[in-house]
C-alpha atoms as a PDB file:
ATOM      1  CA  UNK A   1     -12.759 -37.652 -10.219  1.00  0.00           C
ATOM      2  CA  UNK A   2     -12.897 -33.926 -10.430  1.00  0.00           C
ATOM      3  CA  UNK A   3      -9.342 -32.575 -10.568  1.00  0.00           C
ATOM      4  CA  UNK A   4      -7.989 -30.177  -8.279  1.00  0.00           C
ATOM      5  CA  UNK A   5      -7.543 -27.053  -8.903  1.00  0.00           C
ATOM      6  CA  UNK A   6      -5.511 -24.167  -7.178  1.00  0.00           C
ATOM      7  CA  UNK A   7      -5.135 -20.520  -7.536  1.00  0.00           C
ATOM      8  CA  UNK A   8      -3.823 -17.698  -5.392  1.00  0.00           C
ATOM      9  CA  UNK A   9      -4.768 -14.081  -5.481  1.00  0.00           C
ATOM     10  CA  UNK A  10      -1.969 -11.669  -4.238  1.00  0.00           C
ATOM     11  CA  UNK A  11      -3.312  -8.839  -2.021  1.00  0.00           C
ATOM     12  CA  UNK A  12      -1.036  -6.133  -3.134  1.00  0.00           C
ATOM     13  CA  UNK A  13      -3.874  -3.398  -3.825  1.00  0.00           C
ATOM     14  CA  UNK A  14      -7.634  -2.995  -4.854  1.00  0.00           C
ATOM     15  CA  UNK A  15      -8.366  -5.820  -7.304  1.00  0.00           C
ATOM     16  CA  UNK A  16      -9.428  -4.876 -10.660  1.00  0.00           C
ATOM     17  CA  UNK A  17     -10.962  -5.921 -14.187  1.00  0.00           C
ATOM     18  CA  UNK A  18      -7.836  -7.684 -14.996  1.00  0.00           C
ATOM     19  CA  UNK A  19      -8.213  -9.857 -11.768  1.00  0.00           C
ATOM     20  CA  UNK A  20     -11.981 -10.349 -12.511  1.00  0.00           C
ATOM     21  CA  UNK A  21     -11.529 -11.717 -16.177  1.00  0.00           C
ATOM     22  CA  UNK A  22      -8.222 -13.354 -15.442  1.00  0.00           C
ATOM     23  CA  UNK A  23      -9.189 -15.200 -12.484  1.00  0.00           C
ATOM     24  CA  UNK A  24     -11.908 -14.495 -10.033  1.00  0.00           C
ATOM     25  CA  UNK A  25     -14.652 -14.980 -12.518  1.00  0.00           C
ATOM     26  CA  UNK A  26     -13.110 -18.513 -13.515  1.00  0.00           C
ATOM     27  CA  UNK A  27     -12.933 -19.246  -9.713  1.00  0.00           C
ATOM     28  CA  UNK A  28     -16.583 -18.315  -8.932  1.00  0.00           C
ATOM     29  CA  UNK A  29     -17.760 -20.691 -11.688  1.00  0.00           C
ATOM     30  CA  UNK A  30     -15.136 -23.683 -10.629  1.00  0.00           C
ATOM     31  CA  UNK A  31     -15.870 -24.577  -7.117  1.00  0.00           C
ATOM     32  CA  UNK A  32     -15.876 -28.333  -6.714  1.00  0.00           C
ATOM     33  CA  UNK A  33     -12.465 -29.519  -5.475  1.00  0.00           C
ATOM     34  CA  UNK A  34     -10.804 -26.194  -5.963  1.00  0.00           C
ATOM     35  CA  UNK A  35      -8.531 -24.548  -3.275  1.00  0.00           C
ATOM     36  CA  UNK A  36      -8.204 -20.536  -3.658  1.00  0.00           C
ATOM     37  CA  UNK A  37      -5.867 -18.626  -1.574  1.00  0.00           C
ATOM     38  CA  UNK A  38      -5.177 -14.983  -0.482  1.00  0.00           C
ATOM     39  CA  UNK A  39      -1.234 -14.887  -1.191  1.00  0.00           C
ATOM     40  CA  UNK A  40      -0.307 -12.478   1.614  1.00  0.00           C
ATOM     41  CA  UNK A  41       2.961 -13.767   2.250  1.00  0.00           C
ATOM     42  CA  UNK A  42       3.574 -13.208  -1.563  1.00  0.00           C
ATOM     43  CA  UNK A  43       2.342  -9.724  -0.975  1.00  0.00           C
ATOM     44  CA  UNK A  44       4.816  -8.840   1.429  1.00  0.00           C
ATOM     45  CA  UNK A  45       7.238  -8.353  -1.338  1.00  0.00           C
ATOM     46  CA  UNK A  46       5.429  -5.088  -2.368  1.00  0.00           C
ATOM     47  CA  UNK A  47       3.596  -4.026   0.411  1.00  0.00           C
ATOM     48  CA  UNK A  48       5.777  -3.096   3.444  1.00  0.00           C
ATOM     49  CA  UNK A  49       2.671  -1.411   5.773  1.00  0.00           C
ATOM     50  CA  UNK A  50       1.035  -4.132   7.968  1.00  0.00           C
ATOM     51  CA  UNK A  51      -2.369  -2.358   8.454  1.00  0.00           C
ATOM     52  CA  UNK A  52      -2.560  -2.203   4.475  1.00  0.00           C
ATOM     53  CA  UNK A  53      -1.578  -5.436   3.880  1.00  0.00           C
ATOM     54  CA  UNK A  54      -4.379  -6.870   6.626  1.00  0.00           C
ATOM     55  CA  UNK A  55      -7.062  -4.767   4.881  1.00  0.00           C
ATOM     56  CA  UNK A  56      -5.997  -5.617   1.511  1.00  0.00           C
ATOM     57  CA  UNK A  57      -6.557  -9.146   2.559  1.00  0.00           C
ATOM     58  CA  UNK A  58      -9.749  -8.930   3.914  1.00  0.00           C
ATOM     59  CA  UNK A  59     -11.015  -6.682   0.991  1.00  0.00           C
ATOM     60  CA  UNK A  60      -9.754  -9.339  -1.459  1.00  0.00           C
ATOM     61  CA  UNK A  61     -11.766 -12.263   0.423  1.00  0.00           C
ATOM     62  CA  UNK A  62     -14.751  -9.951   0.627  1.00  0.00           C
ATOM     63  CA  UNK A  63     -14.228  -9.429  -3.265  1.00  0.00           C
ATOM     64  CA  UNK A  64     -14.308 -13.098  -3.992  1.00  0.00           C
ATOM     65  CA  UNK A  65     -17.184 -13.628  -1.710  1.00  0.00           C
ATOM     66  CA  UNK A  66     -19.017 -10.754  -3.584  1.00  0.00           C
ATOM     67  CA  UNK A  67     -18.430 -12.088  -6.815  1.00  0.00           C
ATOM     68  CA  UNK A  68     -20.004 -15.412  -6.492  1.00  0.00           C
ATOM     69  CA  UNK A  69     -17.383 -17.961  -4.776  1.00  0.00           C
ATOM     70  CA  UNK A  70     -19.190 -20.123  -2.795  1.00  0.00           C
ATOM     71  CA  UNK A  71     -17.080 -21.099   0.151  1.00  0.00           C
ATOM     72  CA  UNK A  72     -18.995 -24.019   1.111  1.00  0.00           C
ATOM     73  CA  UNK A  73     -17.642 -25.742  -2.240  1.00  0.00           C
ATOM     74  CA  UNK A  74     -14.337 -24.007  -2.958  1.00  0.00           C
ATOM     75  CA  UNK A  75     -12.026 -23.973   0.013  1.00  0.00           C
ATOM     76  CA  UNK A  76     -10.845 -19.887   0.236  1.00  0.00           C
ATOM     77  CA  UNK A  77      -8.238 -18.997   2.849  1.00  0.00           C
ATOM     78  CA  UNK A  78      -5.085 -16.980   3.940  1.00  0.00           C
ATOM     79  CA  UNK A  79      -1.817 -18.419   2.619  1.00  0.00           C
ATOM     80  CA  UNK A  80      -0.326 -17.399   6.224  1.00  0.00           C
ATOM     81  CA  UNK A  81      -2.964 -19.624   7.913  1.00  0.00           C
ATOM     82  CA  UNK A  82      -1.373 -22.638   6.688  1.00  0.00           C
ATOM     83  CA  UNK A  83       2.083 -22.493   8.341  1.00  0.00           C
ATOM     84  CA  UNK A  84       2.914 -25.663   6.642  1.00  0.00           C
ATOM     85  CA  UNK A  85       3.868 -23.892   3.250  1.00  0.00           C
ATOM     86  CA  UNK A  86       6.996 -22.193   4.885  1.00  0.00           C
ATOM     87  CA  UNK A  87       8.404 -25.404   6.115  1.00  0.00           C
ATOM     88  CA  UNK A  88       7.654 -27.147   2.531  1.00  0.00           C
ATOM     89  CA  UNK A  89       9.359 -24.203   1.024  1.00  0.00           C
ATOM     90  CA  UNK A  90      12.491 -24.638   3.000  1.00  0.00           C
ATOM     91  CA  UNK A  91      12.563 -28.348   2.079  1.00  0.00           C
ATOM     92  CA  UNK A  92      11.995 -27.640  -1.569  1.00  0.00           C
ATOM     93  CA  UNK A  93      14.625 -24.764  -1.535  1.00  0.00           C
ATOM     94  CA  UNK A  94      17.075 -27.510  -0.472  1.00  0.00           C
ATOM     95  CA  UNK A  95      16.384 -29.177  -3.884  1.00  0.00           C
ATOM     96  CA  UNK A  96      15.861 -26.020  -5.952  1.00  0.00           C
ATOM     97  CA  UNK A  97      18.793 -25.118  -8.319  1.00  0.00           C
ATOM     98  CA  UNK A  98      19.880 -21.600  -8.181  1.00  0.00           C
ATOM     99  CA  UNK A  99      20.336 -21.507 -11.790  1.00  0.00           C
ATOM    100  CA  UNK A 100      16.507 -22.142 -12.268  1.00  0.00           C
ATOM    101  CA  UNK A 101      15.675 -19.265 -10.047  1.00  0.00           C
ATOM    102  CA  UNK A 102      17.834 -16.847 -11.842  1.00  0.00           C
ATOM    103  CA  UNK A 103      16.055 -17.533 -14.825  1.00  0.00           C
ATOM    104  CA  UNK A 104      12.526 -16.087 -13.456  1.00  0.00           C
ATOM    105  CA  UNK A 105      11.190 -13.792 -15.898  1.00  0.00           C
ATOM    106  CA  UNK A 106       8.995 -12.289 -13.174  1.00  0.00           C
ATOM    107  CA  UNK A 107      11.860 -11.522 -10.952  1.00  0.00           C
ATOM    108  CA  UNK A 108      13.941  -9.694 -13.571  1.00  0.00           C
ATOM    109  CA  UNK A 109      10.544  -7.491 -14.670  1.00  0.00           C
ATOM    110  CA  UNK A 110      10.048  -6.517 -10.955  1.00  0.00           C
ATOM    111  CA  UNK A 111      13.253  -5.266 -10.944  1.00  0.00           C
ATOM    112  CA  UNK A 112      12.941  -3.666 -13.983  1.00  0.00           C
ATOM    113  CA  UNK A 113      10.106  -1.926 -12.506  1.00  0.00           C
ATOM    114  CA  UNK A 114      11.929  -0.393  -9.795  1.00  0.00           C
ATOM    115  CA  UNK A 115      11.092  -2.913  -7.031  1.00  0.00           C
ATOM    116  CA  UNK A 116      14.058  -3.750  -4.575  1.00  0.00           C
ATOM    117  CA  UNK A 117      15.130  -7.093  -5.156  1.00  0.00           C
ATOM    118  CA  UNK A 118      14.753  -8.458  -2.011  1.00  0.00           C
ATOM    119  CA  UNK A 119      15.463 -12.316  -1.176  1.00  0.00           C
ATOM    120  CA  UNK A 120      11.741 -12.529  -0.976  1.00  0.00           C
ATOM    121  CA  UNK A 121      10.999 -11.618  -4.130  1.00  0.00           C
ATOM    122  CA  UNK A 122      13.966 -14.238  -5.385  1.00  0.00           C
ATOM    123  CA  UNK A 123      12.519 -16.983  -3.517  1.00  0.00           C
ATOM    124  CA  UNK A 124       9.032 -16.141  -4.615  1.00  0.00           C
ATOM    125  CA  UNK A 125       8.959 -19.175  -7.160  1.00  0.00           C
ATOM    126  CA  UNK A 126       9.834 -21.721  -4.304  1.00  0.00           C
ATOM    127  CA  UNK A 127       7.017 -20.122  -1.989  1.00  0.00           C
ATOM    128  CA  UNK A 128       4.940 -20.557  -5.082  1.00  0.00           C
ATOM    129  CA  UNK A 129       6.137 -24.227  -5.712  1.00  0.00           C
ATOM    130  CA  UNK A 130       5.123 -24.997  -1.939  1.00  0.00           C
ATOM    131  CA  UNK A 131       1.686 -23.342  -2.374  1.00  0.00           C
ATOM    132  CA  UNK A 132       0.921 -25.800  -5.243  1.00  0.00           C
ATOM    133  CA  UNK A 133       2.415 -28.897  -4.264  1.00  0.00           C
ATOM    134  CA  UNK A 134       1.193 -28.569  -0.520  1.00  0.00           C
ATOM    135  CA  UNK A 135      -2.362 -28.978  -1.910  1.00  0.00           C
ATOM    136  CA  UNK A 136      -1.930 -32.321  -4.357  1.00  0.00           C
ATOM    137  CA  UNK A 137      -2.952 -30.013  -7.309  1.00  0.00           C
ATOM    138  CA  UNK A 138      -3.771 -31.235 -10.290  1.00  0.00           C
ATOM    139  CA  UNK A 139      -4.087 -27.916 -12.383  1.00  0.00           C
ATOM    140  CA  UNK A 140      -3.175 -24.433 -11.971  1.00  0.00           C
ATOM    141  CA  UNK A 141      -4.888 -21.837 -13.734  1.00  0.00           C
ATOM    142  CA  UNK A 142      -2.549 -18.856 -14.601  1.00  0.00           C
ATOM    143  CA  UNK A 143      -1.789 -16.176 -16.942  1.00  0.00           C
ATOM    144  CA  UNK A 144       0.629 -16.517 -19.764  1.00  0.00           C
ATOM    145  CA  UNK A 145       3.252 -14.407 -17.671  1.00  0.00           C
ATOM    146  CA  UNK A 146       2.726 -17.245 -14.605  1.00  0.00           C
ATOM    147  CA  UNK A 147       3.254 -20.395 -16.782  1.00  0.00           C
ATOM    148  CA  UNK A 148       7.197 -20.137 -16.136  1.00  0.00           C
ATOM    149  CA  UNK A 149       6.427 -20.752 -12.249  1.00  0.00           C
ATOM    150  CA  UNK A 150       4.752 -23.539 -12.866  1.00  0.00           C
ATOM    151  CA  UNK A 151       7.294 -25.195 -14.840  1.00  0.00           C
ATOM    152  CA  UNK A 152       9.653 -24.263 -12.195  1.00  0.00           C
ATOM    153  CA  UNK A 153       7.256 -25.731  -9.702  1.00  0.00           C
ATOM    154  CA  UNK A 154       7.197 -29.167 -11.811  1.00  0.00           C
ATOM    155  CA  UNK A 155      11.268 -28.724 -11.813  1.00  0.00           C
ATOM    156  CA  UNK A 156      11.448 -28.652  -8.224  1.00  0.00           C
ATOM    157  CA  UNK A 157       9.044 -31.438  -7.490  1.00  0.00           C
ATOM    158  CA  UNK A 158      10.747 -33.652  -9.972  1.00  0.00           C
ATOM    159  CA  UNK A 159      14.239 -33.066  -8.379  1.00  0.00           C
ATOM    160  CA  UNK A 160      13.003 -33.505  -4.787  1.00  0.00           C
ATOM    161  CA  UNK A 161      11.129 -36.615  -6.019  1.00  0.00           C
ATOM    162  CA  UNK A 162      14.602 -37.801  -7.769  1.00  0.00           C
ATOM    163  CA  UNK A 163      16.888 -37.438  -4.679  1.00  0.00           C
ATOM    164  CA  UNK A 164      14.160 -39.023  -2.269  1.00  0.00           C
ATOM    165  CA  UNK A 165      13.797 -41.509  -4.899  1.00  0.00           C
ATOM    166  CA  UNK A 166       9.849 -42.096  -4.584  1.00  0.00           C
ATOM    167  CA  UNK A 167       7.245 -40.035  -5.609  1.00  0.00           C
ATOM    168  CA  UNK A 168       6.402 -37.440  -2.695  1.00  0.00           C
ATOM    169  CA  UNK A 169       4.897 -34.705  -4.826  1.00  0.00           C
ATOM    170  CA  UNK A 170       2.100 -34.742  -7.603  1.00  0.00           C
ATOM    171  CA  UNK A 171       3.553 -32.861 -10.681  1.00  0.00           C
ATOM    172  CA  UNK A 172       0.659 -30.124 -11.604  1.00  0.00           C
ATOM    173  CA  UNK A 173      -0.084 -29.059 -14.956  1.00  0.00           C
ATOM    174  CA  UNK A 174      -1.032 -25.652 -15.809  1.00  0.00           C
ATOM    175  CA  UNK A 175      -3.809 -24.100 -17.986  1.00  0.00           C
ATOM    176  CA  UNK A 176      -4.307 -20.471 -19.119  1.00  0.00           C
ATOM    177  CA  UNK A 177      -6.935 -18.608 -17.395  1.00  0.00           C
ATOM    178  CA  UNK A 178      -7.244 -15.980 -20.162  1.00  0.00           C
ATOM    179  CA  UNK A 179      -5.395 -16.305 -23.625  1.00  0.00           C
ATOM    180  CA  UNK A 180      -5.050 -12.572 -24.206  1.00  0.00           C
ATOM    181  CA  UNK A 181      -4.369 -10.172 -21.144  1.00  0.00           C
ATOM    182  CA  UNK A 182      -7.078  -7.803 -19.922  1.00  0.00           C
ATOM    183  CA  UNK A 183      -5.568  -4.543 -21.108  1.00  0.00           C
ATOM    184  CA  UNK A 184      -5.039  -1.684 -18.768  1.00  0.00           C
ATOM    185  CA  UNK A 185      -5.999   2.048 -19.557  1.00  0.00           C
ATOM    186  CA  UNK A 186      -2.439   2.768 -21.014  1.00  0.00           C
ATOM    187  CA  UNK A 187      -2.800  -0.472 -23.498  1.00  0.00           C
ATOM    188  CA  UNK A 188      -0.601  -2.605 -21.260  1.00  0.00           C
ATOM    189  CA  UNK A 189      -1.647  -5.559 -19.507  1.00  0.00           C
ATOM    190  CA  UNK A 190      -3.703  -4.425 -16.719  1.00  0.00           C
ATOM    191  CA  UNK A 191      -1.544  -4.757 -13.408  1.00  0.00           C
ATOM    192  CA  UNK A 192      -1.512  -2.595 -10.274  1.00  0.00           C
ATOM    193  CA  UNK A 193       2.860  -3.077 -10.859  1.00  0.00           C
ATOM    194  CA  UNK A 194       1.811  -0.345 -14.135  1.00  0.00           C
ATOM    195  CA  UNK A 195      -0.577   1.571 -11.894  1.00  0.00           C
ATOM    196  CA  UNK A 196      -3.124   1.243 -15.189  1.00  0.00           C
ATOM    197  CA  UNK A 197      -5.888  -0.619 -13.567  1.00  0.00           C
ATOM    198  CA  UNK A 198      -9.672   0.107 -13.459  1.00  0.00           C
ATOM    199  CA  UNK A 199     -10.801  -1.018  -9.700  1.00  0.00           C
ATOM    200  CA  UNK A 200     -13.453  -3.730  -9.828  1.00  0.00           C
ATOM    201  CA  UNK A 201     -15.950  -1.643  -7.319  1.00  0.00           C
ATOM    202  CA  UNK A 202     -15.049   1.711  -8.022  1.00  0.00           C
ATOM    203  CA  UNK A 203     -18.013   4.008  -8.884  1.00  0.00           C
ATOM    204  CA  UNK A 204     -19.275   7.588  -9.577  1.00  0.00           C
ATOM    205  CA  UNK A 205     -16.474   9.996 -10.480  1.00  0.00           C
ATOM    206  CA  UNK A 206     -13.529   7.624  -9.464  1.00  0.00           C
ATOM    207  CA  UNK A 207     -14.524   5.055 -12.076  1.00  0.00           C
ATOM    208  CA  UNK A 208     -15.359   7.796 -14.536  1.00  0.00           C
ATOM    209  CA  UNK A 209     -11.886   9.133 -14.169  1.00  0.00           C
ATOM    210  CA  UNK A 210     -10.378   5.886 -14.389  1.00  0.00           C
ATOM    211  CA  UNK A 211     -12.208   5.215 -17.951  1.00  0.00           C
ATOM    212  CA  UNK A 212     -11.737   8.491 -19.392  1.00  0.00           C
ATOM    213  CA  UNK A 213      -7.992   8.159 -18.791  1.00  0.00           C
ATOM    214  CA  UNK A 214      -7.722   5.068 -21.139  1.00  0.00           C
ATOM    215  CA  UNK A 215      -5.203   5.946 -23.874  1.00  0.00           C
ATOM    216  CA  UNK A 216      -6.815   6.171 -27.353  1.00  0.00           C
ATOM    217  CA  UNK A 217      -5.709   7.314 -30.909  1.00  0.00           C
ATOM    218  CA  UNK A 218      -6.157  10.702 -32.258  1.00  0.00           C
ATOM    219  CA  UNK A 219      -8.332  10.184 -35.223  1.00  0.00           C
ATOM    220  CA  UNK A 220     -11.156  12.520 -35.784  1.00  0.00           C
ATOM    221  CA  UNK A 221     -15.030  11.937 -34.856  1.00  0.00           C
ATOM    222  CA  UNK A 222     -15.835  11.373 -38.580  1.00  0.00           C
ATOM    223  CA  UNK A 223     -13.064   8.954 -39.507  1.00  0.00           C
ATOM    224  CA  UNK A 224     -13.703   5.223 -39.269  1.00  0.00           C
ATOM    225  CA  UNK A 225     -11.772   3.156 -36.632  1.00  0.00           C
ATOM    226  CA  UNK A 226     -10.875  -0.198 -36.032  1.00  0.00           C
ATOM    227  CA  UNK A 227     -12.176  -1.613 -32.764  1.00  0.00           C
ATOM    228  CA  UNK A 228      -9.906  -4.199 -32.458  1.00  0.00           C
ATOM    229  CA  UNK A 229      -6.929  -1.750 -32.017  1.00  0.00           C
ATOM    230  CA  UNK A 230      -8.854  -0.031 -29.227  1.00  0.00           C
ATOM    231  CA  UNK A 231      -8.487  -0.300 -25.705  1.00  0.00           C
ATOM    232  CA  UNK A 232     -11.667   0.941 -24.888  1.00  0.00           C
ATOM    233  CA  UNK A 233     -13.223  -1.636 -27.298  1.00  0.00           C
ATOM    234  CA  UNK A 234     -11.465  -4.578 -26.211  1.00  0.00           C
ATOM    235  CA  UNK A 235     -12.405  -3.766 -22.267  1.00  0.00           C
ATOM    236  CA  UNK A 236     -16.299  -3.304 -23.378  1.00  0.00           C
ATOM    237  CA  UNK A 237     -16.126  -6.618 -25.415  1.00  0.00           C
ATOM    238  CA  UNK A 238     -15.686  -8.529 -22.251  1.00  0.00           C
ATOM    239  CA  UNK A 239     -18.440  -7.085 -20.483  1.00  0.00           C
ATOM    240  CA  UNK A 240     -21.035  -7.002 -23.448  1.00  0.00           C
ATOM    241  CA  UNK A 241     -23.260  -9.535 -25.359  1.00  0.00           C
ATOM    242  CA  UNK A 242     -22.317 -10.623 -28.986  1.00  0.00           C
ATOM    243  CA  UNK A 243     -25.057  -8.345 -30.336  1.00  0.00           C
ATOM    244  CA  UNK A 244     -23.705  -5.246 -28.435  1.00  0.00           C
ATOM    245  CA  UNK A 245     -20.168  -5.991 -29.393  1.00  0.00           C
ATOM    246  CA  UNK A 246     -21.269  -6.071 -33.082  1.00  0.00           C
ATOM    247  CA  UNK A 247     -23.454  -3.010 -32.745  1.00  0.00           C
ATOM    248  CA  UNK A 248     -20.296  -0.846 -31.207  1.00  0.00           C
ATOM    249  CA  UNK A 249     -17.857  -2.520 -33.604  1.00  0.00           C
ATOM    250  CA  UNK A 250     -20.154  -1.357 -36.789  1.00  0.00           C
ATOM    251  CA  UNK A 251     -20.284   2.033 -35.176  1.00  0.00           C
ATOM    252  CA  UNK A 252     -16.294   2.160 -35.171  1.00  0.00           C
ATOM    253  CA  UNK A 253     -16.035   1.128 -38.806  1.00  0.00           C
ATOM    254  CA  UNK A 254     -18.997   3.620 -39.856  1.00  0.00           C
ATOM    255  CA  UNK A 255     -17.298   6.622 -38.466  1.00  0.00           C
ATOM    256  CA  UNK A 256     -19.099   9.260 -36.625  1.00  0.00           C
ATOM    257  CA  UNK A 257     -18.612   7.353 -33.452  1.00  0.00           C
ATOM    258  CA  UNK A 258     -15.783   9.022 -31.239  1.00  0.00           C
ATOM    259  CA  UNK A 259     -13.904   7.385 -28.546  1.00  0.00           C
ATOM    260  CA  UNK A 260     -15.777   9.604 -25.783  1.00  0.00           C
ATOM    261  CA  UNK A 261     -18.845   7.776 -27.181  1.00  0.00           C
ATOM    262  CA  UNK A 262     -17.449   4.584 -26.533  1.00  0.00           C
ATOM    263  CA  UNK A 263     -16.089   5.284 -22.960  1.00  0.00           C
ATOM    264  CA  UNK A 264     -19.628   6.505 -21.990  1.00  0.00           C
ATOM    265  CA  UNK A 265     -20.722   2.899 -22.855  1.00  0.00           C
ATOM    266  CA  UNK A 266     -17.985   1.221 -21.210  1.00  0.00           C
ATOM    267  CA  UNK A 267     -18.558   3.193 -18.158  1.00  0.00           C
ATOM    268  CA  UNK A 268     -22.233   2.588 -18.121  1.00  0.00           C
ATOM    269  CA  UNK A 269     -21.648  -1.126 -18.689  1.00  0.00           C
ATOM    270  CA  UNK A 270     -19.036  -1.711 -16.050  1.00  0.00           C
ATOM    271  CA  UNK A 271     -21.456   0.500 -13.435  1.00  0.00           C
ATOM    272  CA  UNK A 272     -24.297  -2.217 -14.341  1.00  0.00           C
ATOM    273  CA  UNK A 273     -22.341  -5.335 -14.469  1.00  0.00           C
ATOM    274  CA  UNK A 274     -20.838  -4.746 -10.814  1.00  0.00           C
ATOM    275  CA  UNK A 275     -23.873  -2.949  -9.191  1.00  0.00           C
ATOM    276  CA  UNK A 276     -24.963  -6.145  -7.367  1.00  0.00           C
ATOM    277  CA  UNK A 277     -21.568  -7.402  -6.367  1.00  0.00           C
ATOM    278  CA  UNK A 278     -20.509  -3.749  -5.172  1.00  0.00           C
ATOM    279  CA  UNK A 279     -23.363  -3.808  -2.986  1.00  0.00           C
ATOM    280  CA  UNK A 280     -22.428  -7.284  -1.562  1.00  0.00           C
ATOM    281  CA  UNK A 281     -18.634  -6.320  -1.286  1.00  0.00           C
ATOM    282  CA  UNK A 282     -19.920  -3.731   0.800  1.00  0.00           C
ATOM    283  CA  UNK A 283     -21.757  -5.533   3.208  1.00  0.00           C
ATOM    284  CA  UNK A 284     -18.994  -7.794   3.869  1.00  0.00           C
ATOM    285  CA  UNK A 285     -16.357  -5.395   4.327  1.00  0.00           C
ATOM    286  CA  UNK A 286     -18.601  -4.161   7.050  1.00  0.00           C
ATOM    287  CA  UNK A 287     -18.490  -7.570   8.538  1.00  0.00           C
ATOM    288  CA  UNK A 288     -14.881  -8.559   8.922  1.00  0.00           C
ATOM    289  CA  UNK A 289     -15.956 -11.228  11.664  1.00  0.00           C
ATOM    290  CA  UNK A 290     -17.900 -13.176   8.862  1.00  0.00           C
ATOM    291  CA  UNK A 291     -15.046 -12.975   6.359  1.00  0.00           C
ATOM    292  CA  UNK A 292     -12.529 -14.046   8.898  1.00  0.00           C
ATOM    293  CA  UNK A 293     -14.898 -16.965   9.907  1.00  0.00           C
ATOM    294  CA  UNK A 294     -15.149 -18.042   6.254  1.00  0.00           C
ATOM    295  CA  UNK A 295     -11.129 -17.891   6.251  1.00  0.00           C
ATOM    296  CA  UNK A 296     -10.704 -19.808   9.411  1.00  0.00           C
ATOM    297  CA  UNK A 297     -12.874 -22.606   8.254  1.00  0.00           C
ATOM    298  CA  UNK A 298     -11.118 -22.760   4.829  1.00  0.00           C
ATOM    299  CA  UNK A 299      -7.808 -22.814   6.435  1.00  0.00           C
ATOM    300  CA  UNK A 300      -8.928 -25.882   8.502  1.00  0.00           C
ATOM    301  CA  UNK A 301      -9.926 -27.715   5.501  1.00  0.00           C
ATOM    302  CA  UNK A 302      -6.541 -26.818   3.586  1.00  0.00           C
ATOM    303  CA  UNK A 303      -4.576 -27.631   6.467  1.00  0.00           C
ATOM    304  CA  UNK A 304      -6.030 -31.300   6.739  1.00  0.00           C
ATOM    305  CA  UNK A 305      -4.396 -32.058   3.210  1.00  0.00           C
ATOM    306  CA  UNK A 306      -1.034 -29.739   4.062  1.00  0.00           C
ATOM    307  CA  UNK A 307      -0.088 -31.423   7.030  1.00  0.00           C
ATOM    308  CA  UNK A 308      -0.112 -34.909   5.344  1.00  0.00           C
ATOM    309  CA  UNK A 309       1.859 -33.478   2.178  1.00  0.00           C
ATOM    310  CA  UNK A 310       4.432 -32.201   4.489  1.00  0.00           C
ATOM    311  CA  UNK A 311       4.828 -35.076   6.489  1.00  0.00           C
ATOM    312  CA  UNK A 312       5.518 -37.097   3.432  1.00  0.00           C
ATOM    313  CA  UNK A 313       8.252 -34.451   2.468  1.00  0.00           C
ATOM    314  CA  UNK A 314       9.684 -34.340   6.156  1.00  0.00           C
ATOM    315  CA  UNK A 315      10.071 -38.323   6.441  1.00  0.00           C
ATOM    316  CA  UNK A 316      11.509 -38.201   2.588  1.00  0.00           C
ATOM    317  CA  UNK A 317      14.072 -35.743   3.561  1.00  0.00           C
ATOM    318  CA  UNK A 318      15.002 -37.255   7.176  1.00  0.00           C
ATOM    319  CA  UNK A 319      13.981 -34.657   9.368  1.00  0.00           C
ATOM    320  CA  UNK A 320      10.982 -36.593  10.645  1.00  0.00           C
END
């Protein structure tokens, strides 16, 4: 039987190239027995405005559909449309060790970035564990910065199972979505938290401005350059064919090829790659009723599994 995959997309802002290469591209190609949810509860730790959260969630769904995710094969839904997840998070929280949560690197990183350390942010790994366990997940594709959360999920599931003296939850495993994080315009991992993203469906001057902001070295035009040490080349390589990558790399090594030339090539490649999906996205955003129908249908499928798993947990913990 095909392993069940589960992944969440946090609608905390416009989705960007990092989201595409780190997750959405794989989601679109892996639809059989896959569950993909829009993590709008998680997004509340950084998005306080209700209208903004609704817009972001709707647009994230439209983005996934525009990029090829097939909702008749994969299950696409809003996290908040499956209320069982919050009850399961409470049940898991009664078995979660505080020391485990204190070690969460993601929490420490967000606080270091200036995000107010709310209880929701601290509770994030428990809700994420509920997201994973509620659908009898086999594999969770993650970035390297999320591996710890899947390991914490396993720890919570084991603790709950031991306390219940039965296997209430299946133990998930993880796999890396992209071995190397997609670089942002400042060279760090592309992330909305860093404000260094290139939005997926930006075009025209906004896209040009984003690409031209990519930080590069100050080598003169005539000097040979190392393509592997250049963020522009790294992004271009994600979009280009093997032959195109080799051609640009040779130009870097030869000299006489400036970072401005490379940025224009990257700009053209982004425009070309996402032209058709951008058109589909625009059509879907104009049809929120259609997108909502897809999400509601997905939520129905997801809840059929969630109710069964939650009932097992309720019985094992004595509240049912």
